[in-house]
PDB file of N, CA and C in Angstrom:
ATOM      1  N   MET A   1      -6.828  -3.530  22.729  1.00  0.00           N
ATOM      2  CA  MET A   1      -7.414  -4.738  22.188  1.00  0.00           C
ATOM      3  C   MET A   1      -6.824  -5.002  20.800  1.00  0.00           C
ATOM      4  N   ASN A   2      -6.330  -6.210  20.564  1.00  0.00           N
ATOM      5  CA  ASN A   2      -5.846  -6.600  19.245  1.00  0.00           C
ATOM      6  C   ASN A   2      -7.022  -7.048  18.399  1.00  0.00           C
ATOM      7  N   ARG A   3      -7.143  -6.439  17.234  1.00  0.00           N
ATOM      8  CA  ARG A   3      -8.232  -6.792  16.326  1.00  0.00           C
ATOM      9  C   ARG A   3      -7.745  -7.868  15.362  1.00  0.00           C
ATOM     10  N   LEU A   4      -8.578  -8.838  15.066  1.00  0.00           N
ATOM     11  CA  LEU A   4      -8.258  -9.891  14.112  1.00  0.00           C
ATOM     12  C   LEU A   4      -8.381  -9.315  12.712  1.00  0.00           C
ATOM     13  N   ARG A   5      -7.336  -9.457  11.894  1.00  0.00           N
ATOM     14  CA  ARG A   5      -7.287  -8.892  10.538  1.00  0.00           C
ATOM     15  C   ARG A   5      -7.852  -9.903   9.541  1.00  0.00           C
ATOM     16  N   VAL A   6      -8.938  -9.519   8.870  1.00  0.00           N
ATOM     17  CA  VAL A   6      -9.697 -10.429   8.022  1.00  0.00           C
ATOM     18  C   VAL A   6      -9.698  -9.937   6.574  1.00  0.00           C
ATOM     19  N   ALA A   7      -9.503 -10.866   5.640  1.00  0.00           N
ATOM     20  CA  ALA A   7      -9.665 -10.593   4.213  1.00  0.00           C
ATOM     21  C   ALA A   7     -10.906 -11.347   3.738  1.00  0.00           C
ATOM     22  N   ILE A   8     -11.550 -10.819   2.718  1.00  0.00           N
ATOM     23  CA  ILE A   8     -12.719 -11.464   2.131  1.00  0.00           C
ATOM     24  C   ILE A   8     -12.369 -11.867   0.710  1.00  0.00           C
ATOM     25  N   VAL A   9     -12.661 -13.108   0.354  1.00  0.00           N
ATOM     26  CA  VAL A   9     -12.433 -13.591  -1.013  1.00  0.00           C
ATOM     27  C   VAL A   9     -13.774 -13.555  -1.731  1.00  0.00           C
ATOM     28  N   GLY A  10     -13.871 -12.642  -2.679  1.00  0.00           N
ATOM     29  CA  GLY A  10     -15.111 -12.438  -3.422  1.00  0.00           C
ATOM     30  C   GLY A  10     -15.915 -11.302  -2.827  1.00  0.00           C
ATOM     31  N   PHE A  11     -16.569 -10.530  -3.687  1.00  0.00           N
ATOM     32  CA  PHE A  11     -17.339  -9.387  -3.191  1.00  0.00           C
ATOM     33  C   PHE A  11     -18.710  -9.346  -3.842  1.00  0.00           C
ATOM     34  N   GLY A  12     -19.308 -10.544  -3.967  1.00  0.00           N
ATOM     35  CA  GLY A  12     -20.699 -10.633  -4.419  1.00  0.00           C
ATOM     36  C   GLY A  12     -21.611 -10.355  -3.232  1.00  0.00           C
ATOM     37  N   GLY A  13     -22.796 -10.898  -3.262  1.00  0.00           N
ATOM     38  CA  GLY A  13     -23.751 -10.661  -2.193  1.00  0.00           C
ATOM     39  C   GLY A  13     -23.247 -11.119  -0.833  1.00  0.00           C
ATOM     40  N   LEU A  14     -22.675 -12.322  -0.767  1.00  0.00           N
ATOM     41  CA  LEU A  14     -22.180 -12.851   0.498  1.00  0.00           C
ATOM     42  C   LEU A  14     -20.945 -12.086   0.981  1.00  0.00           C
ATOM     43  N   GLY A  15     -20.041 -11.788   0.067  1.00  0.00           N
ATOM     44  CA  GLY A  15     -18.846 -11.022   0.435  1.00  0.00           C
ATOM     45  C   GLY A  15     -19.194  -9.641   0.963  1.00  0.00           C
ATOM     46  N   GLN A  16     -20.171  -8.990   0.356  1.00  0.00           N
ATOM     47  CA  GLN A  16     -20.595  -7.667   0.817  1.00  0.00           C
ATOM     48  C   GLN A  16     -21.274  -7.759   2.179  1.00  0.00           C
ATOM     49  N   ALA A  17     -22.049  -8.808   2.403  1.00  0.00           N
ATOM     50  CA  ALA A  17     -22.680  -8.999   3.716  1.00  0.00           C
ATOM     51  C   ALA A  17     -21.613  -9.211   4.792  1.00  0.00           C
ATOM     52  N   CYS A  18     -20.589  -9.981   4.475  1.00  0.00           N
ATOM     53  CA  CYS A  18     -19.482 -10.182   5.420  1.00  0.00           C
ATOM     54  C   CYS A  18     -18.773  -8.860   5.698  1.00  0.00           C
ATOM     55  N   ALA A  19     -18.543  -8.064   4.663  1.00  0.00           N
ATOM     56  CA  ALA A  19     -17.879  -6.771   4.835  1.00  0.00           C
ATOM     57  C   ALA A  19     -18.690  -5.856   5.743  1.00  0.00           C
ATOM     58  N   ARG A  20     -20.006  -5.838   5.564  1.00  0.00           N
ATOM     59  CA  ARG A  20     -20.855  -5.010   6.434  1.00  0.00           C
ATOM     60  C   ARG A  20     -20.777  -5.491   7.883  1.00  0.00           C
ATOM     61  N   ALA A  21     -20.781  -6.796   8.080  1.00  0.00           N
ATOM     62  CA  ALA A  21     -20.684  -7.344   9.440  1.00  0.00           C
ATOM     63  C   ALA A  21     -19.330  -7.001  10.066  1.00  0.00           C
ATOM     64  N   LEU A  22     -18.260  -7.107   9.296  1.00  0.00           N
ATOM     65  CA  LEU A  22     -16.929  -6.770   9.806  1.00  0.00           C
ATOM     66  C   LEU A  22     -16.826  -5.284  10.136  1.00  0.00           C
ATOM     67  N   HIS A  23     -17.509  -4.465   9.349  1.00  0.00           N
ATOM     68  CA  HIS A  23     -17.484  -3.014   9.548  1.00  0.00           C
ATOM     69  C   HIS A  23     -18.028  -2.642  10.924  1.00  0.00           C
ATOM     70  N   HIS A  24     -18.952  -3.436  11.451  1.00  0.00           N
ATOM     71  CA  HIS A  24     -19.586  -3.146  12.735  1.00  0.00           C
ATOM     72  C   HIS A  24     -19.011  -3.959  13.897  1.00  0.00           C
ATOM     73  N   ALA A  25     -18.056  -4.830  13.630  1.00  0.00           N
ATOM     74  CA  ALA A  25     -17.482  -5.677  14.682  1.00  0.00           C
ATOM     75  C   ALA A  25     -16.259  -4.986  15.298  1.00  0.00           C
ATOM     76  N   PRO A  26     -16.295  -4.702  16.586  1.00  0.00           N
ATOM     77  CA  PRO A  26     -15.187  -3.966  17.205  1.00  0.00           C
ATOM     78  C   PRO A  26     -13.885  -4.770  17.313  1.00  0.00           C
ATOM     79  N   ASP A  27     -13.959  -6.089  17.274  1.00  0.00           N
ATOM     80  CA  ASP A  27     -12.767  -6.913  17.438  1.00  0.00           C
ATOM     81  C   ASP A  27     -12.233  -7.477  16.120  1.00  0.00           C
ATOM     82  N   LEU A  28     -12.819  -7.067  14.984  1.00  0.00           N
ATOM     83  CA  LEU A  28     -12.393  -7.529  13.665  1.00  0.00           C
ATOM     84  C   LEU A  28     -12.084  -6.336  12.769  1.00  0.00           C
ATOM     85  N   GLU A  29     -11.098  -6.500  11.886  1.00  0.00           N
ATOM     86  CA  GLU A  29     -10.706  -5.431  10.964  1.00  0.00           C
ATOM     87  C   GLU A  29     -10.648  -5.986   9.542  1.00  0.00           C
ATOM     88  N   LEU A  30     -11.373  -5.382   8.630  1.00  0.00           N
ATOM     89  CA  LEU A  30     -11.326  -5.769   7.221  1.00  0.00           C
ATOM     90  C   LEU A  30     -10.083  -5.149   6.597  1.00  0.00           C
ATOM     91  N   VAL A  31      -9.136  -6.001   6.166  1.00  0.00           N
ATOM     92  CA  VAL A  31      -7.870  -5.491   5.638  1.00  0.00           C
ATOM     93  C   VAL A  31      -7.747  -5.634   4.130  1.00  0.00           C
ATOM     94  N   GLY A  32      -8.709  -6.276   3.477  1.00  0.00           N
ATOM     95  CA  GLY A  32      -8.645  -6.389   2.030  1.00  0.00           C
ATOM     96  C   GLY A  32      -9.699  -7.327   1.479  1.00  0.00           C
ATOM     97  N   VAL A  33      -9.900  -7.182   0.172  1.00  0.00           N
ATOM     98  CA  VAL A  33     -10.860  -8.004  -0.551  1.00  0.00           C
ATOM     99  C   VAL A  33     -10.177  -8.549  -1.800  1.00  0.00           C
ATOM    100  N   VAL A  34     -10.341  -9.836  -2.045  1.00  0.00           N
ATOM    101  CA  VAL A  34      -9.823 -10.461  -3.258  1.00  0.00           C
ATOM    102  C   VAL A  34     -10.947 -10.502  -4.284  1.00  0.00           C
ATOM    103  N   ARG A  35     -10.667  -9.968  -5.481  1.00  0.00           N
ATOM    104  CA  ARG A  35     -11.658  -9.939  -6.566  1.00  0.00           C
ATOM    105  C   ARG A  35     -10.979 -10.348  -7.865  1.00  0.00           C
ATOM    106  N   ARG A  36     -11.757 -10.856  -8.809  1.00  0.00           N
ATOM    107  CA  ARG A  36     -11.190 -11.197 -10.127  1.00  0.00           C
ATOM    108  C   ARG A  36     -10.592  -9.970 -10.779  1.00  0.00           C
ATOM    109  N   ALA A  37     -11.343  -8.897 -10.792  1.00  0.00           N
ATOM    110  CA  ALA A  37     -10.861  -7.619 -11.318  1.00  0.00           C
ATOM    111  C   ALA A  37     -10.788  -6.660 -10.134  1.00  0.00           C
ATOM    112  N   PRO A  38      -9.590  -6.480  -9.565  1.00  0.00           N
ATOM    113  CA  PRO A  38      -9.477  -5.686  -8.334  1.00  0.00           C
ATOM    114  C   PRO A  38      -9.696  -4.191  -8.570  1.00  0.00           C
ATOM    115  N   HIS A  39     -10.948  -3.801  -8.615  1.00  0.00           N
ATOM    116  CA  HIS A  39     -11.304  -2.397  -8.763  1.00  0.00           C
ATOM    117  C   HIS A  39     -11.503  -1.785  -7.384  1.00  0.00           C
ATOM    118  N   THR A  40     -11.673  -0.492  -7.359  1.00  0.00           N
ATOM    119  CA  THR A  40     -11.993   0.192  -6.115  1.00  0.00           C
ATOM    120  C   THR A  40     -13.339  -0.314  -5.603  1.00  0.00           C
ATOM    121  N   LEU A  41     -13.430  -0.497  -4.324  1.00  0.00           N
ATOM    122  CA  LEU A  41     -14.670  -0.984  -3.706  1.00  0.00           C
ATOM    123  C   LEU A  41     -15.644   0.178  -3.507  1.00  0.00           C
ATOM    124  N   PRO A  42     -16.933  -0.125  -3.459  1.00  0.00           N
ATOM    125  CA  PRO A  42     -17.923   0.932  -3.248  1.00  0.00           C
ATOM    126  C   PRO A  42     -17.900   1.457  -1.809  1.00  0.00           C
ATOM    127  N   HIS A  43     -18.481   2.616  -1.618  1.00  0.00           N
ATOM    128  CA  HIS A  43     -18.625   3.224  -0.299  1.00  0.00           C
ATOM    129  C   HIS A  43     -19.452   2.297   0.587  1.00  0.00           C
ATOM    130  N   PRO A  44     -19.151   2.059   1.798  1.00  0.00           N
ATOM    131  CA  PRO A  44     -18.148   2.663   2.670  1.00  0.00           C
ATOM    132  C   PRO A  44     -16.829   1.895   2.734  1.00  0.00           C
ATOM    133  N   PHE A  45     -16.549   1.084   1.740  1.00  0.00           N
ATOM    134  CA  PHE A  45     -15.343   0.252   1.753  1.00  0.00           C
ATOM    135  C   PHE A  45     -14.269   0.731   0.775  1.00  0.00           C
ATOM    136  N   ALA A  46     -14.393   1.943   0.273  1.00  0.00           N
ATOM    137  CA  ALA A  46     -13.454   2.468  -0.719  1.00  0.00           C
ATOM    138  C   ALA A  46     -12.018   2.522  -0.187  1.00  0.00           C
ATOM    139  N   HIS A  47     -11.841   2.611   1.119  1.00  0.00           N
ATOM    140  CA  HIS A  47     -10.502   2.681   1.719  1.00  0.00           C
ATOM    141  C   HIS A  47      -9.840   1.303   1.848  1.00  0.00           C
ATOM    142  N   VAL A  48     -10.601   0.235   1.649  1.00  0.00           N
ATOM    143  CA  VAL A  48     -10.098  -1.127   1.816  1.00  0.00           C
ATOM    144  C   VAL A  48      -9.385  -1.564   0.532  1.00  0.00           C
ATOM    145  N   PRO A  49      -8.168  -2.084   0.643  1.00  0.00           N
ATOM    146  CA  PRO A  49      -7.454  -2.542  -0.553  1.00  0.00           C
ATOM    147  C   PRO A  49      -8.165  -3.708  -1.242  1.00  0.00           C
ATOM    148  N   ALA A  50      -8.146  -3.697  -2.570  1.00  0.00           N
ATOM    149  CA  ALA A  50      -8.668  -4.810  -3.370  1.00  0.00           C
ATOM    150  C   ALA A  50      -7.487  -5.417  -4.121  1.00  0.00           C
ATOM    151  N   ALA A  51      -7.427  -6.739  -4.157  1.00  0.00           N
ATOM    152  CA  ALA A  51      -6.308  -7.441  -4.776  1.00  0.00           C
ATOM    153  C   ALA A  51      -6.830  -8.551  -5.671  1.00  0.00           C
ATOM    154  N   GLY A  52      -5.957  -9.023  -6.564  1.00  0.00           N
ATOM    155  CA  GLY A  52      -6.311 -10.106  -7.451  1.00  0.00           C
ATOM    156  C   GLY A  52      -6.038 -11.481  -6.862  1.00  0.00           C
ATOM    157  N   HIS A  53      -5.218 -11.535  -5.797  1.00  0.00           N
ATOM    158  CA  HIS A  53      -4.874 -12.812  -5.163  1.00  0.00           C
ATOM    159  C   HIS A  53      -4.654 -12.584  -3.674  1.00  0.00           C
ATOM    160  N   LEU A  54      -4.969 -13.581  -2.878  1.00  0.00           N
ATOM    161  CA  LEU A  54      -4.860 -13.469  -1.430  1.00  0.00           C
ATOM    162  C   LEU A  54      -3.434 -13.155  -0.973  1.00  0.00           C
ATOM    163  N   ARG A  55      -2.426 -13.664  -1.648  1.00  0.00           N
ATOM    164  CA  ARG A  55      -1.044 -13.418  -1.223  1.00  0.00           C
ATOM    165  C   ARG A  55      -0.664 -11.935  -1.290  1.00  0.00           C
ATOM    166  N   GLU A  56      -1.443 -11.133  -2.023  1.00  0.00           N
ATOM    167  CA  GLU A  56      -1.182  -9.697  -2.103  1.00  0.00           C
ATOM    168  C   GLU A  56      -1.649  -8.959  -0.852  1.00  0.00           C
ATOM    169  N   LEU A  57      -2.395  -9.627   0.011  1.00  0.00           N
ATOM    170  CA  LEU A  57      -2.908  -9.028   1.229  1.00  0.00           C
ATOM    171  C   LEU A  57      -2.157  -9.602   2.430  1.00  0.00           C
ATOM    172  N   ALA A  58      -0.917  -9.217   2.571  1.00  0.00           N
ATOM    173  CA  ALA A  58      -0.045  -9.794   3.586  1.00  0.00           C
ATOM    174  C   ALA A  58      -0.497  -9.481   5.015  1.00  0.00           C
ATOM    175  N   ARG A  59      -1.274  -8.448   5.212  1.00  0.00           N
ATOM    176  CA  ARG A  59      -1.713  -8.071   6.555  1.00  0.00           C
ATOM    177  C   ARG A  59      -2.812  -8.978   7.093  1.00  0.00           C
ATOM    178  N   ALA A  60      -3.426  -9.786   6.248  1.00  0.00           N
ATOM    179  CA  ALA A  60      -4.562 -10.611   6.679  1.00  0.00           C
ATOM    180  C   ALA A  60      -4.114 -11.787   7.536  1.00  0.00           C
ATOM    181  N   SER A  61      -4.834 -11.994   8.641  1.00  0.00           N
ATOM    182  CA  SER A  61      -4.588 -13.156   9.497  1.00  0.00           C
ATOM    183  C   SER A  61      -5.434 -14.341   9.062  1.00  0.00           C
ATOM    184  N   ILE A  62      -6.667 -14.046   8.625  1.00  0.00           N
ATOM    185  CA  ILE A  62      -7.583 -15.075   8.141  1.00  0.00           C
ATOM    186  C   ILE A  62      -8.335 -14.561   6.919  1.00  0.00           C
ATOM    187  N   ALA A  63      -8.974 -15.475   6.208  1.00  0.00           N
ATOM    188  CA  ALA A  63      -9.772 -15.096   5.031  1.00  0.00           C
ATOM    189  C   ALA A  63     -11.130 -15.772   5.094  1.00  0.00           C
ATOM    190  N   LEU A  64     -12.137 -15.055   4.631  1.00  0.00           N
ATOM    191  CA  LEU A  64     -13.494 -15.591   4.528  1.00  0.00           C
ATOM    192  C   LEU A  64     -13.812 -15.821   3.068  1.00  0.00           C
TER     193      LEU A  64
END
């Protein structure tokens, strides 16, 4: 099964809710998060790359 690669723009309340939903979706993969200050993300998303701009997340097919 090919998983759709998704990036999230912003990691406030809505961005974190989207990340949790993506974490449990078998057909979607969270490939990165765009933040103003791209710091390490909290657990359980610490393995997900954080970037300052969407173009830095070349693996993403779509963005939320």
